[in-house]
Amino acid sequence: MGRKRKQVEFPKEIPGAPRWYMPEWLKYTGRTQSDIVEATGLSLGYVSDLVNGKERYNQDVLWAFAWVLKCPPGAIVDVNPLSDDGALVAQLLIRRYKPKAA
């Protein structure tokens, strides 16, 4: 007989936790949620919920979004490309990032 796992509730905002800058990256790169849907095959509703923080992202989602945006996955949670400092960092990251072919 298996043990039941207790469902853990996490707060919406965890102090010090990385923030999801996906809306800012979409705006910065000129991409849309539809571009993400077309490239990944995810549903528009799911992508919308992810982008707007209504759904939690996982590593696979982070890598898929980064692939579409042509940026390192960590940048989506570490760098706000629309901020003054973030714009310079974003430019450097995008220039240096070359994803490996599968």
C-alpha atoms as a PDB file:
ATOM      1  CA  MET A   1       0.000   0.000   0.000  1.00  0.00           C
ATOM      2  CA  GLY A   2       1.496   3.324  -1.085  1.00  0.00           C
ATOM      3  CA  ARG A   3       1.889   6.318   1.119  1.00  0.00           C
ATOM      4  CA  LYS A   4      -0.204   9.343   0.327  1.00  0.00           C
ATOM      5  CA  ARG A   5       1.771  12.476  -0.333  1.00  0.00           C
ATOM      6  CA  LYS A   6       0.668  15.668   1.300  1.00  0.00           C
ATOM      7  CA  GLN A   7      -0.057  18.440  -1.177  1.00  0.00           C
ATOM      8  CA  VAL A   8       2.073  21.472  -0.372  1.00  0.00           C
ATOM      9  CA  GLU A   9       0.662  24.940  -0.940  1.00  0.00           C
ATOM     10  CA  PHE A  10       3.242  27.526  -1.954  1.00  0.00           C
ATOM     11  CA  PRO A  11       2.677  31.255  -1.553  1.00  0.00           C
ATOM     12  CA  LYS A  12       2.277  33.264  -4.765  1.00  0.00           C
ATOM     13  CA  GLU A  13       5.362  35.352  -3.992  1.00  0.00           C
ATOM     14  CA  ILE A  14       8.320  33.784  -2.235  1.00  0.00           C
ATOM     15  CA  PRO A  15      10.798  36.401  -0.990  1.00  0.00           C
ATOM     16  CA  GLY A  16      14.076  36.101  -2.882  1.00  0.00           C
ATOM     17  CA  ALA A  17      12.651  33.689  -5.448  1.00  0.00           C
ATOM     18  CA  PRO A  18      13.380  34.383  -9.119  1.00  0.00           C
ATOM     19  CA  ARG A  19      10.773  36.461 -10.886  1.00  0.00           C
ATOM     20  CA  TRP A  20       9.305  35.409 -14.243  1.00  0.00           C
ATOM     21  CA  TYR A  21      10.089  38.116 -16.819  1.00  0.00           C
ATOM     22  CA  MET A  22       8.362  36.420 -19.750  1.00  0.00           C
ATOM     23  CA  PRO A  23       5.997  39.315 -20.588  1.00  0.00           C
ATOM     24  CA  GLU A  24       8.987  41.671 -20.685  1.00  0.00           C
ATOM     25  CA  TRP A  25      11.012  39.286 -22.876  1.00  0.00           C
ATOM     26  CA  LEU A  26       8.133  38.948 -25.336  1.00  0.00           C
ATOM     27  CA  LYS A  27       7.890  42.721 -25.619  1.00  0.00           C
ATOM     28  CA  TYR A  28      11.669  43.152 -25.863  1.00  0.00           C
ATOM     29  CA  THR A  29      12.060  40.565 -28.640  1.00  0.00           C
ATOM     30  CA  GLY A  30       8.920  41.589 -30.518  1.00  0.00           C
ATOM     31  CA  ARG A  31       7.495  38.082 -30.157  1.00  0.00           C
ATOM     32  CA  THR A  32       3.925  37.204 -29.266  1.00  0.00           C
ATOM     33  CA  GLN A  33       2.231  34.421 -27.371  1.00  0.00           C
ATOM     34  CA  SER A  34       1.092  33.129 -30.764  1.00  0.00           C
ATOM     35  CA  ASP A  35       4.751  32.817 -31.806  1.00  0.00           C
ATOM     36  CA  ILE A  36       5.358  30.639 -28.737  1.00  0.00           C
ATOM     37  CA  VAL A  37       2.302  28.515 -29.550  1.00  0.00           C
ATOM     38  CA  GLU A  38       3.339  28.068 -33.182  1.00  0.00           C
ATOM     39  CA  ALA A  39       6.921  27.106 -32.327  1.00  0.00           C
ATOM     40  CA  THR A  40       6.197  24.812 -29.377  1.00  0.00           C
ATOM     41  CA  GLY A  41       2.778  23.310 -30.051  1.00  0.00           C
ATOM     42  CA  LEU A  42       1.529  24.350 -26.600  1.00  0.00           C
ATOM     43  CA  SER A  43      -2.034  25.643 -26.415  1.00  0.00           C
ATOM     44  CA  LEU A  44      -2.656  29.387 -26.426  1.00  0.00           C
ATOM     45  CA  GLY A  45      -4.564  29.176 -23.137  1.00  0.00           C
ATOM     46  CA  TYR A  46      -1.677  27.392 -21.431  1.00  0.00           C
ATOM     47  CA  VAL A  47       0.903  29.820 -22.830  1.00  0.00           C
ATOM     48  CA  SER A  48      -1.243  32.762 -21.761  1.00  0.00           C
ATOM     49  CA  ASP A  49      -1.555  31.368 -18.237  1.00  0.00           C
ATOM     50  CA  LEU A  50       2.221  30.802 -18.082  1.00  0.00           C
ATOM     51  CA  VAL A  51       3.091  34.265 -19.361  1.00  0.00           C
ATOM     52  CA  ASN A  52       0.657  35.935 -16.961  1.00  0.00           C
ATOM     53  CA  GLY A  53       1.827  33.923 -13.948  1.00  0.00           C
ATOM     54  CA  LYS A  54      -1.429  31.994 -13.509  1.00  0.00           C
ATOM     55  CA  GLU A  55       0.349  28.704 -14.186  1.00  0.00           C
ATOM     56  CA  ARG A  56       3.736  27.648 -12.826  1.00  0.00           C
ATOM     57  CA  TYR A  57       6.460  27.024 -15.375  1.00  0.00           C
ATOM     58  CA  ASN A  58       8.818  24.057 -15.307  1.00  0.00           C
ATOM     59  CA  GLN A  59      12.245  23.439 -16.791  1.00  0.00           C
ATOM     60  CA  ASP A  60      10.852  22.158 -20.101  1.00  0.00           C
ATOM     61  CA  VAL A  61       8.698  25.261 -20.530  1.00  0.00           C
ATOM     62  CA  LEU A  62      11.607  27.544 -19.631  1.00  0.00           C
ATOM     63  CA  TRP A  63      13.862  25.898 -22.223  1.00  0.00           C
ATOM     64  CA  ALA A  64      11.136  25.955 -24.909  1.00  0.00           C
ATOM     65  CA  PHE A  65      10.422  29.639 -24.371  1.00  0.00           C
ATOM     66  CA  ALA A  66      14.144  30.451 -24.377  1.00  0.00           C
ATOM     67  CA  TRP A  67      14.569  28.547 -27.638  1.00  0.00           C
ATOM     68  CA  VAL A  68      11.836  30.637 -29.281  1.00  0.00           C
ATOM     69  CA  LEU A  69      13.228  33.897 -27.875  1.00  0.00           C
ATOM     70  CA  LYS A  70      16.854  32.951 -28.679  1.00  0.00           C
ATOM     71  CA  CYS A  71      18.043  33.744 -25.173  1.00  0.00           C
ATOM     72  CA  PRO A  72      19.501  31.692 -22.330  1.00  0.00           C
ATOM     73  CA  PRO A  73      16.781  30.065 -20.198  1.00  0.00           C
ATOM     74  CA  GLY A  74      18.068  31.670 -17.010  1.00  0.00           C
ATOM     75  CA  ALA A  75      17.667  35.132 -18.493  1.00  0.00           C
ATOM     76  CA  ILE A  76      13.882  34.777 -18.462  1.00  0.00           C
ATOM     77  CA  VAL A  77      13.923  34.530 -14.662  1.00  0.00           C
ATOM     78  CA  ASP A  78      16.966  36.715 -13.937  1.00  0.00           C
ATOM     79  CA  VAL A  79      16.873  39.667 -16.335  1.00  0.00           C
ATOM     80  CA  ASN A  80      14.174  42.248 -16.990  1.00  0.00           C
ATOM     81  CA  PRO A  81      15.168  43.397 -20.490  1.00  0.00           C
ATOM     82  CA  LEU A  82      12.956  46.475 -20.234  1.00  0.00           C
ATOM     83  CA  SER A  83      14.852  47.898 -17.255  1.00  0.00           C
ATOM     84  CA  ASP A  84      17.827  50.200 -17.866  1.00  0.00           C
ATOM     85  CA  ASP A  85      20.426  47.691 -16.655  1.00  0.00           C
ATOM     86  CA  GLY A  86      18.551  44.701 -18.028  1.00  0.00           C
ATOM     87  CA  ALA A  87      18.471  46.001 -21.604  1.00  0.00           C
ATOM     88  CA  LEU A  88      22.269  45.998 -21.846  1.00  0.00           C
ATOM     89  CA  VAL A  89      22.500  42.563 -20.233  1.00  0.00           C
ATOM     90  CA  ALA A  90      19.801  41.237 -22.577  1.00  0.00           C
ATOM     91  CA  GLN A  91      21.685  42.484 -25.653  1.00  0.00           C
ATOM     92  CA  LEU A  92      24.880  40.786 -24.509  1.00  0.00           C
ATOM     93  CA  LEU A  93      23.107  37.527 -23.642  1.00  0.00           C
ATOM     94  CA  ILE A  94      21.283  37.319 -26.965  1.00  0.00           C
ATOM     95  CA  ARG A  95      24.486  37.999 -28.938  1.00  0.00           C
ATOM     96  CA  ARG A  96      26.430  35.300 -27.085  1.00  0.00           C
ATOM     97  CA  TYR A  97      23.680  32.676 -26.875  1.00  0.00           C
ATOM     98  CA  LYS A  98      23.848  29.963 -29.504  1.00  0.00           C
ATOM     99  CA  PRO A  99      21.664  26.970 -28.608  1.00  0.00           C
ATOM    100  CA  LYS A 100      23.066  23.588 -29.552  1.00  0.00           C
ATOM    101  CA  ALA A 101      21.236  21.710 -32.287  1.00  0.00           C
ATOM    102  CA  ALA A 102      19.513  18.504 -31.224  1.00  0.00           C
END
